[in-house]
Amino acid sequence: MAFTLLGPCEYREEIRKSRFIALAAPIASAADAQAFIDSHSDLAASHNCWAWKVGNQYRFNDDGEPGGTAGRPILAAIEGQDCDQVVVLVIRWYGGIQLGTGGLARAYGGSAAKCLQAGERSELVLRQSFTCHLQFAELPVFKARLNEFDSLIEREDYDATGALLHLAVVPAEHAALERLLGDISRGRENLRAP
């Protein structure tokens, strides 16, 4: 089961005189991740290392640290905490004592994991997009029952006869929602991929 953060969170730690600040936030896209990284990076810091994950997409950056000692451990922390749709930025101010490659990986990965643990999380429900058209008389009944299927209306486009609904449907509820839609529309409508 995947989780996401409900809001931004922060964790601070000092390891052998180096200061680490881990910042994490929920995101919906790569653009959201880059916007968070750009707005929260501290150019005065020694390193701004980050990783993000949205579904099957992910990226990470070591920002001048030895290869594989910062970005990849941060991504491993995201995956280790069963998180998705999350960005983590770990900012380091060098304290004069070298940590070595293993020490760096533990410091970056550990700070990221503790930050994600400190944040308030919620279960991530994956949904698929579908559309259907209902007449005005059918809309209130369908909307009243939609919550039973853990599905959402993302958008409604009205016309002269009713509304085209853009739905986000939990895959496990697809068949049951399809039956409800058929019952309400007397077999006239079914769920269609957009």
C-alpha atoms as a PDB file:
ATOM      1  CA  MET A   1       0.000   0.000   0.000  1.00  0.00           C
ATOM      2  CA  ALA A   2       1.429   3.394  -0.985  1.00  0.00           C
ATOM      3  CA  PHE A   3       1.242   6.546   1.109  1.00  0.00           C
ATOM      4  CA  THR A   4       1.642  10.236   0.396  1.00  0.00           C
ATOM      5  CA  LEU A   5       2.183  13.226   2.642  1.00  0.00           C
ATOM      6  CA  LEU A   6      -0.758  15.408   3.635  1.00  0.00           C
ATOM      7  CA  GLY A   7       1.472  18.479   3.708  1.00  0.00           C
ATOM      8  CA  PRO A   8       5.080  19.668   3.838  1.00  0.00           C
ATOM      9  CA  CYS A   9       7.335  18.444   6.666  1.00  0.00           C
ATOM     10  CA  GLU A  10      10.858  19.102   7.898  1.00  0.00           C
ATOM     11  CA  TYR A  11      13.566  17.282   9.859  1.00  0.00           C
ATOM     12  CA  ARG A  12      16.875  18.739  11.140  1.00  0.00           C
ATOM     13  CA  GLU A  13      19.942  16.791  12.193  1.00  0.00           C
ATOM     14  CA  GLU A  14      23.639  17.417  12.862  1.00  0.00           C
ATOM     15  CA  ILE A  15      26.084  14.640  11.989  1.00  0.00           C
ATOM     16  CA  ARG A  16      29.793  15.165  12.719  1.00  0.00           C
ATOM     17  CA  LYS A  17      29.464  18.966  12.527  1.00  0.00           C
ATOM     18  CA  SER A  18      27.588  18.888   9.192  1.00  0.00           C
ATOM     19  CA  ARG A  19      24.034  20.248   9.386  1.00  0.00           C
ATOM     20  CA  PHE A  20      21.319  18.434   7.427  1.00  0.00           C
ATOM     21  CA  ILE A  21      17.823  19.794   6.841  1.00  0.00           C
ATOM     22  CA  ALA A  22      15.394  17.446   5.099  1.00  0.00           C
ATOM     23  CA  LEU A  23      12.274  18.955   3.535  1.00  0.00           C
ATOM     24  CA  ALA A  24       9.486  16.842   2.030  1.00  0.00           C
ATOM     25  CA  ALA A  25       6.172  17.639   0.368  1.00  0.00           C
ATOM     26  CA  PRO A  26       3.387  15.969  -1.603  1.00  0.00           C
ATOM     27  CA  ILE A  27       3.480  16.467  -5.388  1.00  0.00           C
ATOM     28  CA  ALA A  28       1.349  15.484  -8.358  1.00  0.00           C
ATOM     29  CA  SER A  29       3.881  15.828 -11.185  1.00  0.00           C
ATOM     30  CA  ALA A  30       7.521  16.322 -12.135  1.00  0.00           C
ATOM     31  CA  ALA A  31       6.812  20.041 -12.568  1.00  0.00           C
ATOM     32  CA  ASP A  32       5.547  20.239  -8.966  1.00  0.00           C
ATOM     33  CA  ALA A  33       8.724  18.508  -7.770  1.00  0.00           C
ATOM     34  CA  GLN A  34      10.998  20.888  -9.668  1.00  0.00           C
ATOM     35  CA  ALA A  35       9.058  23.912  -8.403  1.00  0.00           C
ATOM     36  CA  PHE A  36       9.474  22.695  -4.800  1.00  0.00           C
ATOM     37  CA  ILE A  37      13.200  22.040  -5.289  1.00  0.00           C
ATOM     38  CA  ASP A  38      13.765  25.443  -6.919  1.00  0.00           C
ATOM     39  CA  SER A  39      11.857  27.341  -4.231  1.00  0.00           C
ATOM     40  CA  HIS A  40      13.379  25.553  -1.201  1.00  0.00           C
ATOM     41  CA  SER A  41      17.022  25.039  -2.244  1.00  0.00           C
ATOM     42  CA  ASP A  42      19.512  27.123  -0.268  1.00  0.00           C
ATOM     43  CA  LEU A  43      22.240  28.403  -2.572  1.00  0.00           C
ATOM     44  CA  ALA A  44      24.432  29.236   0.448  1.00  0.00           C
ATOM     45  CA  ALA A  45      24.472  25.557   1.489  1.00  0.00           C
ATOM     46  CA  SER A  46      27.199  23.128   0.464  1.00  0.00           C
ATOM     47  CA  HIS A  47      24.774  20.721  -1.255  1.00  0.00           C
ATOM     48  CA  ASN A  48      21.060  20.583  -2.167  1.00  0.00           C
ATOM     49  CA  CYS A  49      20.413  16.901  -2.893  1.00  0.00           C
ATOM     50  CA  TRP A  50      16.966  15.620  -3.784  1.00  0.00           C
ATOM     51  CA  ALA A  51      14.773  12.825  -5.080  1.00  0.00           C
ATOM     52  CA  TRP A  52      11.123  12.542  -6.095  1.00  0.00           C
ATOM     53  CA  LYS A  53       8.738   9.782  -7.104  1.00  0.00           C
ATOM     54  CA  VAL A  54       5.364   9.954  -8.875  1.00  0.00           C
ATOM     55  CA  GLY A  55       4.065   6.520  -9.866  1.00  0.00           C
ATOM     56  CA  ASN A  56       6.686   4.895 -12.103  1.00  0.00           C
ATOM     57  CA  GLN A  57       8.522   8.179 -12.689  1.00  0.00           C
ATOM     58  CA  TYR A  58      11.399   9.198 -10.438  1.00  0.00           C
ATOM     59  CA  ARG A  59      14.528  11.344 -10.444  1.00  0.00           C
ATOM     60  CA  PHE A  60      17.334  12.105  -8.039  1.00  0.00           C
ATOM     61  CA  ASN A  61      20.366  14.387  -7.882  1.00  0.00           C
ATOM     62  CA  ASP A  62      23.610  14.230  -5.853  1.00  0.00           C
ATOM     63  CA  ASP A  63      24.451  17.953  -6.358  1.00  0.00           C
ATOM     64  CA  GLY A  64      28.220  17.500  -6.269  1.00  0.00           C
ATOM     65  CA  GLU A  65      28.390  14.761  -3.628  1.00  0.00           C
ATOM     66  CA  PRO A  66      30.144  11.540  -4.750  1.00  0.00           C
ATOM     67  CA  GLY A  67      27.922   9.553  -7.142  1.00  0.00           C
ATOM     68  CA  GLY A  68      25.263   7.446  -5.449  1.00  0.00           C
ATOM     69  CA  THR A  69      25.810   8.883  -1.947  1.00  0.00           C
ATOM     70  CA  ALA A  70      22.912  11.353  -1.753  1.00  0.00           C
ATOM     71  CA  GLY A  71      20.145  11.239  -4.377  1.00  0.00           C
ATOM     72  CA  ARG A  72      19.845   7.458  -4.567  1.00  0.00           C
ATOM     73  CA  PRO A  73      19.702   6.999  -0.742  1.00  0.00           C
ATOM     74  CA  ILE A  74      16.990   9.686  -0.589  1.00  0.00           C
ATOM     75  CA  LEU A  75      15.006   7.811  -3.265  1.00  0.00           C
ATOM     76  CA  ALA A  76      15.583   4.564  -1.330  1.00  0.00           C
ATOM     77  CA  ALA A  77      14.133   6.271   1.773  1.00  0.00           C
ATOM     78  CA  ILE A  78      11.037   7.329  -0.209  1.00  0.00           C
ATOM     79  CA  GLU A  79      10.544   3.759  -1.414  1.00  0.00           C
ATOM     80  CA  GLY A  80      11.429   2.298   1.994  1.00  0.00           C
ATOM     81  CA  GLN A  81       8.685   4.375   3.619  1.00  0.00           C
ATOM     82  CA  ASP A  82       6.199   3.174   0.928  1.00  0.00           C
ATOM     83  CA  CYS A  83       5.687   6.744  -0.267  1.00  0.00           C
ATOM     84  CA  ASP A  84       4.585   7.955  -3.684  1.00  0.00           C
ATOM     85  CA  GLN A  85       3.823  11.403  -5.099  1.00  0.00           C
ATOM     86  CA  VAL A  86       6.510  12.840  -2.808  1.00  0.00           C
ATOM     87  CA  VAL A  87       9.598  15.045  -3.192  1.00  0.00           C
ATOM     88  CA  VAL A  88      12.418  15.147  -0.613  1.00  0.00           C
ATOM     89  CA  LEU A  89      15.158  17.789  -0.566  1.00  0.00           C
ATOM     90  CA  VAL A  90      18.086  17.366   1.850  1.00  0.00           C
ATOM     91  CA  ILE A  91      20.220  20.471   2.336  1.00  0.00           C
ATOM     92  CA  ARG A  92      23.730  20.029   3.783  1.00  0.00           C
ATOM     93  CA  TRP A  93      26.104  22.562   5.259  1.00  0.00           C
ATOM     94  CA  TYR A  94      29.583  20.995   5.402  1.00  0.00           C
ATOM     95  CA  GLY A  95      31.066  21.065   8.909  1.00  0.00           C
ATOM     96  CA  GLY A  96      34.702  20.303   8.113  1.00  0.00           C
ATOM     97  CA  ILE A  97      34.708  16.562   8.836  1.00  0.00           C
ATOM     98  CA  GLN A  98      34.422  14.197   5.879  1.00  0.00           C
ATOM     99  CA  LEU A  99      31.813  11.479   6.331  1.00  0.00           C
ATOM    100  CA  GLY A 100      33.011   9.026   3.660  1.00  0.00           C
ATOM    101  CA  THR A 101      30.725   7.487   1.051  1.00  0.00           C
ATOM    102  CA  GLY A 102      28.960   5.162   3.500  1.00  0.00           C
ATOM    103  CA  GLY A 103      28.516   7.957   6.026  1.00  0.00           C
ATOM    104  CA  LEU A 104      27.078  10.273   3.383  1.00  0.00           C
ATOM    105  CA  ALA A 105      24.619   7.633   2.185  1.00  0.00           C
ATOM    106  CA  ARG A 106      23.484   6.946   5.778  1.00  0.00           C
ATOM    107  CA  ALA A 107      23.205  10.663   6.547  1.00  0.00           C
ATOM    108  CA  TYR A 108      21.187  11.587   3.455  1.00  0.00           C
ATOM    109  CA  GLY A 109      19.023   8.459   3.478  1.00  0.00           C
ATOM    110  CA  GLY A 110      18.495   8.623   7.241  1.00  0.00           C
ATOM    111  CA  SER A 111      17.529  12.304   7.220  1.00  0.00           C
ATOM    112  CA  ALA A 112      15.072  11.694   4.374  1.00  0.00           C
ATOM    113  CA  ALA A 113      13.514   8.669   6.114  1.00  0.00           C
ATOM    114  CA  LYS A 114      13.135  10.516   9.437  1.00  0.00           C
ATOM    115  CA  CYS A 115      11.557  13.474   7.638  1.00  0.00           C
ATOM    116  CA  LEU A 116       9.008  11.214   5.931  1.00  0.00           C
ATOM    117  CA  GLN A 117       8.283   9.462   9.244  1.00  0.00           C
ATOM    118  CA  ALA A 118       7.708  12.831  10.929  1.00  0.00           C
ATOM    119  CA  GLY A 119       5.210  13.968   8.297  1.00  0.00           C
ATOM    120  CA  GLU A 120       1.505  13.263   8.440  1.00  0.00           C
ATOM    121  CA  ARG A 121       0.703  10.616   5.823  1.00  0.00           C
ATOM    122  CA  SER A 122      -2.406   9.241   4.179  1.00  0.00           C
ATOM    123  CA  GLU A 123      -3.038   6.131   2.144  1.00  0.00           C
ATOM    124  CA  LEU A 124      -2.733   6.843  -1.561  1.00  0.00           C
ATOM    125  CA  VAL A 125      -5.735   5.617  -3.524  1.00  0.00           C
ATOM    126  CA  LEU A 126      -4.943   5.097  -7.202  1.00  0.00           C
ATOM    127  CA  ARG A 127      -7.804   5.866  -9.561  1.00  0.00           C
ATOM    128  CA  GLN A 128      -8.437   5.561 -13.310  1.00  0.00           C
ATOM    129  CA  SER A 129     -10.182   8.161 -15.477  1.00  0.00           C
ATOM    130  CA  PHE A 130     -13.543   7.445 -17.112  1.00  0.00           C
ATOM    131  CA  THR A 131     -16.408   9.466 -18.560  1.00  0.00           C
ATOM    132  CA  CYS A 132     -20.154   8.960 -18.777  1.00  0.00           C
ATOM    133  CA  HIS A 133     -23.130  11.093 -19.843  1.00  0.00           C
ATOM    134  CA  LEU A 134     -26.220  11.271 -17.649  1.00  0.00           C
ATOM    135  CA  GLN A 135     -29.509  13.089 -18.091  1.00  0.00           C
ATOM    136  CA  PHE A 136     -30.506  15.767 -15.593  1.00  0.00           C
ATOM    137  CA  ALA A 137     -33.008  13.484 -13.823  1.00  0.00           C
ATOM    138  CA  GLU A 138     -30.324  10.793 -13.338  1.00  0.00           C
ATOM    139  CA  LEU A 139     -27.573  13.057 -11.965  1.00  0.00           C
ATOM    140  CA  PRO A 140     -28.765  13.451  -8.332  1.00  0.00           C
ATOM    141  CA  VAL A 141     -29.220   9.696  -7.860  1.00  0.00           C
ATOM    142  CA  PHE A 142     -25.795   8.905  -9.347  1.00  0.00           C
ATOM    143  CA  LYS A 143     -24.022  11.623  -7.334  1.00  0.00           C
ATOM    144  CA  ALA A 144     -25.671  10.470  -4.099  1.00  0.00           C
ATOM    145  CA  ARG A 145     -24.418   6.909  -4.592  1.00  0.00           C
ATOM    146  CA  LEU A 146     -20.925   7.727  -5.944  1.00  0.00           C
ATOM    147  CA  ASN A 147     -19.287   7.881  -2.478  1.00  0.00           C
ATOM    148  CA  GLU A 148     -20.142   4.205  -1.925  1.00  0.00           C
ATOM    149  CA  PHE A 149     -17.586   3.377  -4.646  1.00  0.00           C
ATOM    150  CA  ASP A 150     -14.739   5.598  -3.341  1.00  0.00           C
ATOM    151  CA  SER A 151     -14.790   7.442  -6.677  1.00  0.00           C
ATOM    152  CA  LEU A 152     -14.731  11.153  -7.492  1.00  0.00           C
ATOM    153  CA  ILE A 153     -16.174  13.544 -10.062  1.00  0.00           C
ATOM    154  CA  GLU A 154     -13.230  15.508 -11.464  1.00  0.00           C
ATOM    155  CA  ARG A 155     -15.216  17.683 -13.867  1.00  0.00           C
ATOM    156  CA  GLU A 156     -18.780  18.153 -15.163  1.00  0.00           C
ATOM    157  CA  ASP A 157     -19.555  19.479 -18.665  1.00  0.00           C
ATOM    158  CA  TYR A 158     -23.232  20.395 -19.025  1.00  0.00           C
ATOM    159  CA  ASP A 159     -25.212  20.375 -22.267  1.00  0.00           C
ATOM    160  CA  ALA A 160     -28.906  20.608 -23.218  1.00  0.00           C
ATOM    161  CA  THR A 161     -29.773  17.071 -22.050  1.00  0.00           C
ATOM    162  CA  GLY A 162     -27.556  16.525 -19.006  1.00  0.00           C
ATOM    163  CA  ALA A 163     -23.892  16.371 -18.084  1.00  0.00           C
ATOM    164  CA  LEU A 164     -20.749  14.613 -19.235  1.00  0.00           C
ATOM    165  CA  LEU A 165     -19.038  13.479 -16.027  1.00  0.00           C
ATOM    166  CA  HIS A 166     -15.275  12.979 -15.842  1.00  0.00           C
ATOM    167  CA  LEU A 167     -14.743  10.417 -13.085  1.00  0.00           C
ATOM    168  CA  ALA A 168     -11.769   9.101 -11.107  1.00  0.00           C
ATOM    169  CA  VAL A 169     -12.645   5.464 -10.344  1.00  0.00           C
ATOM    170  CA  VAL A 170     -10.906   3.000  -8.024  1.00  0.00           C
ATOM    171  CA  PRO A 171     -10.110  -0.042 -10.231  1.00  0.00           C
ATOM    172  CA  ALA A 172     -11.602  -2.501  -7.719  1.00  0.00           C
ATOM    173  CA  GLU A 173     -14.956  -0.663  -7.887  1.00  0.00           C
ATOM    174  CA  HIS A 174     -15.139  -0.379 -11.692  1.00  0.00           C
ATOM    175  CA  ALA A 175     -17.538  -3.307 -12.270  1.00  0.00           C
ATOM    176  CA  ALA A 176     -19.891  -2.319  -9.438  1.00  0.00           C
ATOM    177  CA  LEU A 177     -19.990   1.310 -10.589  1.00  0.00           C
ATOM    178  CA  GLU A 178     -20.640   0.127 -14.155  1.00  0.00           C
ATOM    179  CA  ARG A 179     -23.677  -1.847 -12.881  1.00  0.00           C
ATOM    180  CA  LEU A 180     -24.981   1.174 -10.961  1.00  0.00           C
ATOM    181  CA  LEU A 181     -24.595   3.372 -14.036  1.00  0.00           C
ATOM    182  CA  GLY A 182     -26.469   0.825 -16.165  1.00  0.00           C
ATOM    183  CA  ASP A 183     -29.278   0.606 -13.596  1.00  0.00           C
ATOM    184  CA  ILE A 184     -29.685   4.372 -13.281  1.00  0.00           C
ATOM    185  CA  SER A 185     -29.573   5.005 -17.053  1.00  0.00           C
ATOM    186  CA  ARG A 186     -31.657   1.884 -17.883  1.00  0.00           C
ATOM    187  CA  GLY A 187     -28.779   0.375 -19.855  1.00  0.00           C
ATOM    188  CA  ARG A 188     -28.183   3.470 -21.976  1.00  0.00           C
ATOM    189  CA  GLU A 189     -24.798   4.445 -20.434  1.00  0.00           C
ATOM    190  CA  ASN A 190     -21.538   2.786 -19.446  1.00  0.00           C
ATOM    191  CA  LEU A 191     -18.093   3.975 -18.344  1.00  0.00           C
ATOM    192  CA  ARG A 192     -15.805   5.011 -21.191  1.00  0.00           C
ATOM    193  CA  ALA A 193     -12.102   5.745 -21.158  1.00  0.00           C
ATOM    194  CA  PRO A 194     -11.559   9.439 -22.011  1.00  0.00           C
END
